[in-house]
């Protein structure tokens, strides 16, 4: 465990997910937890409006959030790879310029 990990402060937050009270202990702030609850509740409501049961709506919401997370990670990975290639090209050109001097 690093010194940063040992210094994390966990807070308890009371959230309402799908109309059900839930207490979460996390190192995130209230603003972020409220946003997470809002996103999850929107996904649940969207699924409930399609006449799914509450339990099925929760599972659909979970799958949608996971799908979005995977897609974002893939996009970030592709951007990082592109930046790494550009950095390699810049370093190669820099080395060539230094060798030419």
C-alpha atoms as a PDB file:
ATOM      1  CA  UNK A   1       0.000   0.000   0.000  1.00  0.00           C
ATOM      2  CA  UNK A   2       1.387   3.399  -0.944  1.00  0.00           C
ATOM      3  CA  UNK A   3       1.275   6.407   1.349  1.00  0.00           C
ATOM      4  CA  UNK A   4      -1.422   7.956  -0.873  1.00  0.00           C
ATOM      5  CA  UNK A   5      -3.666   4.904  -0.499  1.00  0.00           C
ATOM      6  CA  UNK A   6      -3.330   4.866   3.270  1.00  0.00           C
ATOM      7  CA  UNK A   7      -4.354   8.546   3.479  1.00  0.00           C
ATOM      8  CA  UNK A   8      -7.682   8.108   1.661  1.00  0.00           C
ATOM      9  CA  UNK A   9     -10.621   9.355   3.630  1.00  0.00           C
ATOM     10  CA  UNK A  10     -13.854   7.465   3.231  1.00  0.00           C
ATOM     11  CA  UNK A  11     -17.196   9.168   3.727  1.00  0.00           C
ATOM     12  CA  UNK A  12     -20.662   7.663   3.966  1.00  0.00           C
ATOM     13  CA  UNK A  13     -23.260   9.022   1.555  1.00  0.00           C
ATOM     14  CA  UNK A  14     -26.976   8.351   1.569  1.00  0.00           C
ATOM     15  CA  UNK A  15     -28.213   7.880  -1.979  1.00  0.00           C
ATOM     16  CA  UNK A  16     -31.519   6.966  -3.537  1.00  0.00           C
ATOM     17  CA  UNK A  17     -31.178   4.417  -6.331  1.00  0.00           C
ATOM     18  CA  UNK A  18     -34.416   3.507  -8.038  1.00  0.00           C
ATOM     19  CA  UNK A  19     -36.329   4.879  -5.061  1.00  0.00           C
ATOM     20  CA  UNK A  20     -34.419   2.675  -2.615  1.00  0.00           C
ATOM     21  CA  UNK A  21     -32.238   4.176   0.120  1.00  0.00           C
ATOM     22  CA  UNK A  22     -28.616   3.134  -0.059  1.00  0.00           C
ATOM     23  CA  UNK A  23     -25.619   4.158   2.052  1.00  0.00           C
ATOM     24  CA  UNK A  24     -22.280   4.071   0.249  1.00  0.00           C
ATOM     25  CA  UNK A  25     -18.833   4.376   1.839  1.00  0.00           C
ATOM     26  CA  UNK A  26     -16.395   5.857  -0.668  1.00  0.00           C
ATOM     27  CA  UNK A  27     -13.451   8.202  -1.117  1.00  0.00           C
ATOM     28  CA  UNK A  28     -15.395  10.128  -3.777  1.00  0.00           C
ATOM     29  CA  UNK A  29     -17.006  13.480  -3.028  1.00  0.00           C
ATOM     30  CA  UNK A  30     -20.722  14.199  -2.654  1.00  0.00           C
ATOM     31  CA  UNK A  31     -20.941  15.903  -6.050  1.00  0.00           C
ATOM     32  CA  UNK A  32     -19.552  12.854  -7.848  1.00  0.00           C
ATOM     33  CA  UNK A  33     -21.760  10.441  -5.899  1.00  0.00           C
ATOM     34  CA  UNK A  34     -24.836  12.550  -6.724  1.00  0.00           C
ATOM     35  CA  UNK A  35     -23.872  12.450 -10.407  1.00  0.00           C
ATOM     36  CA  UNK A  36     -23.414   8.661 -10.298  1.00  0.00           C
ATOM     37  CA  UNK A  37     -26.811   8.241  -8.632  1.00  0.00           C
ATOM     38  CA  UNK A  38     -28.399  10.533 -11.240  1.00  0.00           C
ATOM     39  CA  UNK A  39     -26.937   8.540 -14.145  1.00  0.00           C
ATOM     40  CA  UNK A  40     -27.990   5.191 -12.650  1.00  0.00           C
ATOM     41  CA  UNK A  41     -31.475   6.482 -11.854  1.00  0.00           C
ATOM     42  CA  UNK A  42     -31.904   7.806 -15.407  1.00  0.00           C
ATOM     43  CA  UNK A  43     -30.954   4.420 -16.814  1.00  0.00           C
ATOM     44  CA  UNK A  44     -33.320   2.618 -14.449  1.00  0.00           C
ATOM     45  CA  UNK A  45     -36.175   4.993 -15.330  1.00  0.00           C
ATOM     46  CA  UNK A  46     -35.524   4.513 -19.036  1.00  0.00           C
ATOM     47  CA  UNK A  47     -35.718   0.752 -18.649  1.00  0.00           C
ATOM     48  CA  UNK A  48     -38.773   0.895 -16.375  1.00  0.00           C
ATOM     49  CA  UNK A  49     -40.562   2.991 -18.994  1.00  0.00           C
ATOM     50  CA  UNK A  50     -40.252  -0.019 -21.303  1.00  0.00           C
ATOM     51  CA  UNK A  51     -42.277  -2.080 -18.808  1.00  0.00           C
ATOM     52  CA  UNK A  52     -39.313  -4.049 -17.474  1.00  0.00           C
ATOM     53  CA  UNK A  53     -39.416  -5.234 -13.877  1.00  0.00           C
ATOM     54  CA  UNK A  54     -37.400  -3.279 -11.337  1.00  0.00           C
ATOM     55  CA  UNK A  55     -34.840  -6.096 -11.033  1.00  0.00           C
ATOM     56  CA  UNK A  56     -34.443  -6.361 -14.806  1.00  0.00           C
ATOM     57  CA  UNK A  57     -34.144  -2.567 -15.030  1.00  0.00           C
ATOM     58  CA  UNK A  58     -31.286  -2.660 -12.493  1.00  0.00           C
ATOM     59  CA  UNK A  59     -29.479  -5.318 -14.505  1.00  0.00           C
ATOM     60  CA  UNK A  60     -29.975  -3.387 -17.746  1.00  0.00           C
ATOM     61  CA  UNK A  61     -28.694  -0.190 -16.101  1.00  0.00           C
ATOM     62  CA  UNK A  62     -25.634  -2.062 -14.809  1.00  0.00           C
ATOM     63  CA  UNK A  63     -24.916  -3.504 -18.251  1.00  0.00           C
ATOM     64  CA  UNK A  64     -25.288  -0.101 -19.900  1.00  0.00           C
ATOM     65  CA  UNK A  65     -22.898   1.544 -17.439  1.00  0.00           C
ATOM     66  CA  UNK A  66     -20.373  -1.284 -17.935  1.00  0.00           C
ATOM     67  CA  UNK A  67     -20.663  -0.991 -21.717  1.00  0.00           C
ATOM     68  CA  UNK A  68     -20.064   2.763 -21.559  1.00  0.00           C
ATOM     69  CA  UNK A  69     -17.070   2.215 -19.272  1.00  0.00           C
ATOM     70  CA  UNK A  70     -15.534  -0.357 -21.631  1.00  0.00           C
ATOM     71  CA  UNK A  71     -16.101   1.905 -24.643  1.00  0.00           C
ATOM     72  CA  UNK A  72     -14.497   4.878 -22.881  1.00  0.00           C
ATOM     73  CA  UNK A  73     -11.508   2.789 -21.802  1.00  0.00           C
ATOM     74  CA  UNK A  74     -11.062   1.613 -25.385  1.00  0.00           C
ATOM     75  CA  UNK A  75     -11.206   5.193 -26.684  1.00  0.00           C
ATOM     76  CA  UNK A  76      -8.670   6.350 -24.097  1.00  0.00           C
ATOM     77  CA  UNK A  77      -6.380   3.405 -24.925  1.00  0.00           C
ATOM     78  CA  UNK A  78      -6.511   4.269 -28.640  1.00  0.00           C
ATOM     79  CA  UNK A  79      -5.732   7.939 -27.931  1.00  0.00           C
ATOM     80  CA  UNK A  80      -2.817   6.993 -25.671  1.00  0.00           C
ATOM     81  CA  UNK A  81      -1.414   4.712 -28.382  1.00  0.00           C
ATOM     82  CA  UNK A  82      -1.705   7.564 -30.899  1.00  0.00           C
ATOM     83  CA  UNK A  83       0.091   9.943 -28.543  1.00  0.00           C
ATOM     84  CA  UNK A  84       2.834   7.379 -27.901  1.00  0.00           C
ATOM     85  CA  UNK A  85       3.407   7.025 -31.661  1.00  0.00           C
ATOM     86  CA  UNK A  86       3.585  10.806 -32.078  1.00  0.00           C
ATOM     87  CA  UNK A  87       6.018  11.069 -29.155  1.00  0.00           C
ATOM     88  CA  UNK A  88       8.216   8.366 -30.694  1.00  0.00           C
ATOM     89  CA  UNK A  89       8.221  10.232 -34.025  1.00  0.00           C
ATOM     90  CA  UNK A  90       9.168  13.492 -32.319  1.00  0.00           C
ATOM     91  CA  UNK A  91      11.971  11.806 -30.364  1.00  0.00           C
ATOM     92  CA  UNK A  92      13.244  10.122 -33.528  1.00  0.00           C
ATOM     93  CA  UNK A  93      13.309  13.462 -35.400  1.00  0.00           C
ATOM     94  CA  UNK A  94      14.974  15.147 -32.431  1.00  0.00           C
ATOM     95  CA  UNK A  95      17.661  12.433 -32.361  1.00  0.00           C
ATOM     96  CA  UNK A  96      18.196  12.816 -36.109  1.00  0.00           C
ATOM     97  CA  UNK A  97      18.621  16.583 -35.719  1.00  0.00           C
ATOM     98  CA  UNK A  98      21.112  16.112 -32.889  1.00  0.00           C
ATOM     99  CA  UNK A  99      23.086  13.571 -34.946  1.00  0.00           C
ATOM    100  CA  UNK A 100      23.204  15.971 -37.917  1.00  0.00           C
ATOM    101  CA  UNK A 101      24.881  18.703 -35.837  1.00  0.00           C
END
